[in-house]
Protein backbone atom coordinates (compact mmCIF):
# COMPACT_ATOMS: atom_id res chain seq x y z
CA MET A 1 -29.89 38.68 -48.32
CA THR A 2 -30.04 42.35 -49.17
CA ASN A 3 -27.72 44.67 -51.05
CA PHE A 4 -26.34 45.80 -47.71
CA VAL A 5 -24.28 42.60 -47.49
CA LYS A 6 -21.21 42.98 -49.67
CA ALA A 7 -19.48 39.69 -48.76
CA VAL A 8 -19.66 36.69 -46.45
CA LEU A 9 -16.56 35.30 -44.75
CA PHE A 10 -16.34 31.88 -43.13
CA ASP A 11 -14.06 30.07 -40.78
CA LEU A 12 -13.05 26.78 -42.42
CA ASP A 13 -13.05 23.68 -40.18
CA GLY A 14 -16.33 23.19 -38.37
CA THR A 15 -18.05 26.13 -40.05
CA LEU A 16 -17.97 25.72 -43.81
CA ILE A 17 -16.40 22.28 -44.18
CA ASP A 18 -16.96 19.26 -41.93
CA THR A 19 -13.39 17.97 -41.74
CA ALA A 20 -13.68 16.04 -38.48
CA ALA A 21 -14.20 12.62 -40.08
CA ASP A 22 -10.74 12.73 -41.64
CA PHE A 23 -9.18 13.66 -38.30
CA VAL A 24 -11.09 10.82 -36.61
CA ARG A 25 -9.82 8.42 -39.28
CA ILE A 26 -6.19 9.48 -38.81
CA ILE A 27 -6.34 9.31 -35.00
CA ALA A 28 -7.87 5.83 -35.29
CA LYS A 29 -5.06 4.76 -37.63
CA MET A 30 -2.34 6.09 -35.36
CA SER A 31 -3.99 4.49 -32.33
CA ALA A 32 -4.18 1.12 -34.05
CA GLU A 33 -0.51 1.29 -35.02
CA ASN A 34 0.37 1.64 -31.33
CA ASN A 35 -2.18 -0.93 -30.12
CA TRP A 36 -4.09 1.86 -28.40
CA GLN A 37 -7.79 2.53 -28.10
CA ALA A 38 -8.89 5.48 -30.21
CA PRO A 39 -10.71 8.30 -28.42
CA PRO A 40 -14.46 8.63 -29.04
CA GLU A 41 -15.36 10.49 -32.22
CA ALA A 42 -17.29 13.14 -30.28
CA ALA A 43 -14.23 13.89 -28.15
CA ILE A 44 -12.03 14.30 -31.22
CA ARG A 45 -14.56 16.62 -32.89
CA GLN A 46 -14.50 18.89 -29.84
CA GLN A 47 -10.71 19.27 -30.15
CA VAL A 48 -10.53 20.04 -33.88
CA SER A 49 -10.61 23.82 -33.45
CA ALA A 50 -7.76 23.60 -30.94
CA GLY A 51 -5.49 22.08 -33.60
CA ALA A 52 -3.39 19.00 -34.28
CA SER A 53 -1.53 19.08 -30.96
CA SER A 54 -4.77 18.92 -28.99
CA MET A 55 -6.06 15.95 -30.96
CA VAL A 56 -2.75 14.12 -30.53
CA LYS A 57 -2.70 14.89 -26.79
CA LEU A 58 -6.24 13.53 -26.52
CA MET A 59 -5.11 10.28 -28.14
CA LEU A 60 -2.13 9.99 -25.80
CA GLU A 61 -4.09 10.82 -22.64
CA GLN A 62 -6.82 8.38 -23.64
CA ASN A 63 -4.17 5.65 -23.44
CA GLY A 64 -2.36 6.73 -20.30
CA GLN A 65 0.57 8.30 -22.15
CA THR A 66 0.89 11.27 -19.78
CA GLN A 67 4.69 11.35 -19.51
CA VAL A 68 5.46 11.80 -23.20
CA THR A 69 8.40 14.11 -23.87
CA GLU A 70 7.95 17.30 -25.86
CA GLU A 71 10.10 15.80 -28.60
CA ALA A 72 7.89 12.70 -28.81
CA LEU A 73 4.76 14.85 -28.84
CA LEU A 74 6.14 16.84 -31.76
CA GLU A 75 6.89 13.59 -33.62
CA TYR A 76 3.32 12.35 -33.13
CA ARG A 77 2.00 15.74 -34.23
CA GLN A 78 4.15 15.70 -37.38
CA GLN A 79 3.00 12.16 -38.19
CA PHE A 80 -0.58 13.36 -37.80
CA LEU A 81 0.00 16.31 -40.15
CA ASP A 82 1.81 14.12 -42.70
CA GLU A 83 -1.05 11.61 -42.69
CA TYR A 84 -3.55 14.43 -43.09
CA GLU A 85 -1.71 16.07 -45.96
CA ALA A 86 -1.44 12.73 -47.77
CA ASP A 87 -5.19 12.02 -47.53
CA ILE A 88 -6.74 15.37 -46.71
CA CYS A 89 -10.14 14.85 -48.26
CA VAL A 90 -11.29 11.27 -47.88
CA ASP A 91 -14.36 11.97 -45.75
CA SER A 92 -14.50 15.77 -45.51
CA CYS A 93 -17.44 17.57 -47.08
CA VAL A 94 -19.18 20.93 -47.18
CA PHE A 95 -21.80 20.95 -44.43
CA ASP A 96 -25.27 20.02 -45.62
CA GLU A 97 -27.17 23.01 -47.03
CA LEU A 98 -24.04 25.18 -47.36
CA GLU A 99 -23.25 24.15 -50.93
CA GLU A 100 -26.62 25.59 -51.90
CA LEU A 101 -25.78 28.69 -49.87
CA LEU A 102 -22.47 29.19 -51.68
CA SER A 103 -24.09 28.69 -55.07
CA THR A 104 -26.81 31.21 -54.27
CA LEU A 105 -24.29 33.79 -53.07
CA GLU A 106 -22.38 33.31 -56.33
CA GLN A 107 -25.53 33.67 -58.41
CA ARG A 108 -26.31 36.91 -56.60
CA GLY A 109 -22.82 38.25 -57.16
CA THR A 110 -21.99 38.25 -53.43
CA PRO A 111 -18.37 37.13 -52.93
CA TRP A 112 -17.56 34.67 -50.19
CA GLY A 113 -14.22 33.86 -48.63
CA ILE A 114 -12.39 32.14 -45.81
CA VAL A 115 -10.44 33.48 -42.84
CA THR A 116 -8.87 30.54 -41.01
CA ASN A 117 -6.12 29.62 -38.57
CA LYS A 118 -5.44 26.50 -40.66
CA PRO A 119 -1.93 26.56 -42.25
CA ARG A 120 -2.05 27.78 -45.83
CA TYR A 121 -0.56 24.66 -47.41
CA LEU A 122 -3.32 22.54 -45.88
CA ALA A 123 -6.11 25.05 -46.51
CA GLU A 124 -5.16 25.43 -50.17
CA LEU A 125 -4.85 21.69 -50.64
CA LEU A 126 -8.24 21.04 -49.04
CA LEU A 127 -9.99 23.69 -51.10
CA SER A 128 -8.37 22.38 -54.27
CA LYS A 129 -9.43 18.80 -53.55
CA MET A 130 -12.98 20.00 -52.93
CA GLN A 131 -12.94 22.20 -56.06
CA LEU A 132 -13.65 25.29 -54.00
CA ASP A 133 -10.37 27.08 -54.64
CA GLU A 134 -11.51 28.94 -57.75
CA ARG A 135 -14.88 29.82 -56.21
CA CYS A 136 -13.44 31.29 -53.01
CA SER A 137 -12.88 35.05 -53.47
CA VAL A 138 -10.35 35.42 -50.65
CA LEU A 139 -8.37 33.09 -48.40
CA VAL A 140 -6.55 34.46 -45.36
CA CYS A 141 -4.33 32.10 -43.36
CA PRO A 142 -1.96 32.54 -40.37
CA GLU A 143 1.08 33.00 -42.62
CA ASP A 144 -0.52 36.09 -44.15
CA VAL A 145 -0.62 38.17 -40.97
CA ALA A 146 1.49 39.11 -37.96
CA ARG A 147 -1.39 38.47 -35.54
CA THR A 148 -3.95 35.71 -36.04
CA LYS A 149 -7.53 35.48 -34.79
CA PRO A 150 -8.82 36.61 -32.31
CA ASP A 151 -6.94 39.72 -33.47
CA PRO A 152 -8.89 41.54 -36.21
CA GLU A 153 -5.83 41.77 -38.51
CA PRO A 154 -6.88 38.74 -40.65
CA MET A 155 -10.33 40.27 -41.06
CA TYR A 156 -8.88 43.59 -42.19
CA LEU A 157 -6.66 41.79 -44.70
CA ALA A 158 -9.69 39.97 -46.12
CA LEU A 159 -11.46 43.30 -46.54
CA GLU A 160 -8.42 44.73 -48.31
CA LYS A 161 -8.24 41.79 -50.70
CA LEU A 162 -11.96 42.14 -51.43
CA GLY A 163 -11.56 45.86 -52.07
CA ILE A 164 -13.88 46.81 -49.19
CA ALA A 165 -12.92 49.72 -46.94
CA ARG A 166 -12.67 49.06 -43.21
CA GLY A 167 -15.48 51.50 -42.66
CA GLY A 168 -17.58 49.16 -44.77
CA SER A 169 -16.91 46.15 -42.56
CA ALA A 170 -20.51 46.31 -41.31
CA CYS A 171 -21.44 45.12 -44.80
CA VAL A 172 -19.35 41.95 -44.44
CA LEU A 173 -20.55 39.03 -42.31
CA TYR A 174 -18.25 36.59 -40.54
CA VAL A 175 -19.33 33.07 -39.61
CA GLY A 176 -17.31 30.92 -37.18
CA ASP A 177 -17.56 28.19 -34.57
CA HIS A 178 -14.91 29.35 -32.07
CA ILE A 179 -14.82 32.25 -29.64
CA ARG A 180 -11.74 33.63 -31.40
CA ASP A 181 -13.79 33.85 -34.62
CA ILE A 182 -16.47 35.92 -32.93
CA GLU A 183 -13.93 38.11 -31.14
CA ALA A 184 -12.04 38.78 -34.38
CA GLY A 185 -15.18 39.62 -36.33
CA ASN A 186 -16.55 41.83 -33.57
CA ALA A 187 -13.23 43.65 -33.23
CA ALA A 188 -13.28 44.34 -36.97
CA GLY A 189 -16.79 45.78 -36.75
CA MET A 190 -18.42 42.92 -38.61
CA PRO A 191 -21.76 41.34 -37.75
CA THR A 192 -20.86 37.85 -36.53
CA ILE A 193 -22.71 34.55 -36.77
CA LEU A 194 -21.82 31.74 -34.37
CA ALA A 195 -22.09 28.30 -35.98
CA ALA A 196 -23.17 26.36 -32.90
CA TYR A 197 -23.22 23.16 -34.98
CA GLY A 198 -19.41 23.30 -35.22
CA TYR A 199 -16.56 21.89 -33.18
CA ILE A 200 -17.34 23.40 -29.79
CA PRO A 201 -15.99 21.77 -26.60
CA LEU A 202 -18.64 20.52 -24.22
CA GLU A 203 -17.61 22.94 -21.47
CA ASP A 204 -18.26 25.90 -23.80
CA GLN A 205 -21.62 24.83 -25.14
CA GLN A 206 -23.59 26.32 -22.24
CA ASN A 207 -21.96 29.74 -22.55
CA LEU A 208 -22.35 30.59 -26.22
CA LYS A 209 -24.49 33.67 -25.63
CA LYS A 210 -21.60 35.18 -23.67
CA TRP A 211 -19.50 35.20 -26.86
CA ASP A 212 -21.56 38.20 -28.03
CA ALA A 213 -22.18 37.00 -31.57
CA THR A 214 -24.74 39.00 -33.52
CA HIS A 215 -26.60 35.76 -34.31
CA ILE A 216 -26.34 32.12 -33.22
CA VAL A 217 -27.39 29.33 -35.59
CA GLU A 218 -27.84 25.76 -34.41
CA THR A 219 -27.71 24.05 -37.80
CA PRO A 220 -26.34 24.68 -41.31
CA MET A 221 -29.97 24.95 -42.44
CA GLN A 222 -30.52 27.85 -40.06
CA LEU A 223 -27.38 29.53 -41.38
CA LYS A 224 -28.61 29.19 -44.97
CA GLN A 225 -32.03 30.52 -44.05
CA LEU A 226 -30.55 33.46 -42.15
CA LEU A 227 -28.20 34.51 -44.92
CA LEU A 228 -30.67 34.06 -47.75
CA SER A 229 -33.77 35.53 -46.15
CA SER A 230 -34.60 39.03 -47.36
CA GLY A 231 -34.63 41.84 -44.85
CA LYS A 232 -32.71 40.06 -42.12
CA PHE A 233 -29.82 42.51 -42.25
CA ASP A 234 -31.65 45.75 -43.00
CA TYR A 235 -30.18 47.20 -39.80
CA LEU A 236 -26.79 47.34 -41.52
């Protein structure tokens, strides 16, 4: 890390925090209550970035429930969200190696923050449960903007809250595991890092280079090494 990097921003689910295990647990619980077979864990993980509705639809389709009304789908989705809010951090954890990364950034005086499409009430609750809320320098959620990622508006708001001019966005890195993360960061003029270890659907995994991220990392260890190695971002 050099002095050129003024801040590091992360997506939340699948990039900074591994939340999938809690979603898997809730889908398994809901499936059992209906005497259904729960979808495979890997299939659920691939739907996390698409949101609660996609995970619920996966559960229903897995069990032949293809004619569910919109009203029923919304009820299942709300049950899912209620279950998640009640036990939001049973199995979730910061990805291996990234706690050390956050601590090192803090020691170096480099602020880090989160720009996510996760609803604020859930994002704040999760960060509080994980004791990350007071360490996170900025949190931008969908409720804070008129246009969410892949629009760059959330990125610009994060810069504003950090006191960094838009023209200085090349000094702020954005890390995410979804194409909308990379598009938003690129549109805001930020170097982008694709977390290929995240919740990426199988059909997208062969096309990651086409997302035009500045860097692609395959593991949290690679992300830590990239961000903490001196000279890596001298081109900024």
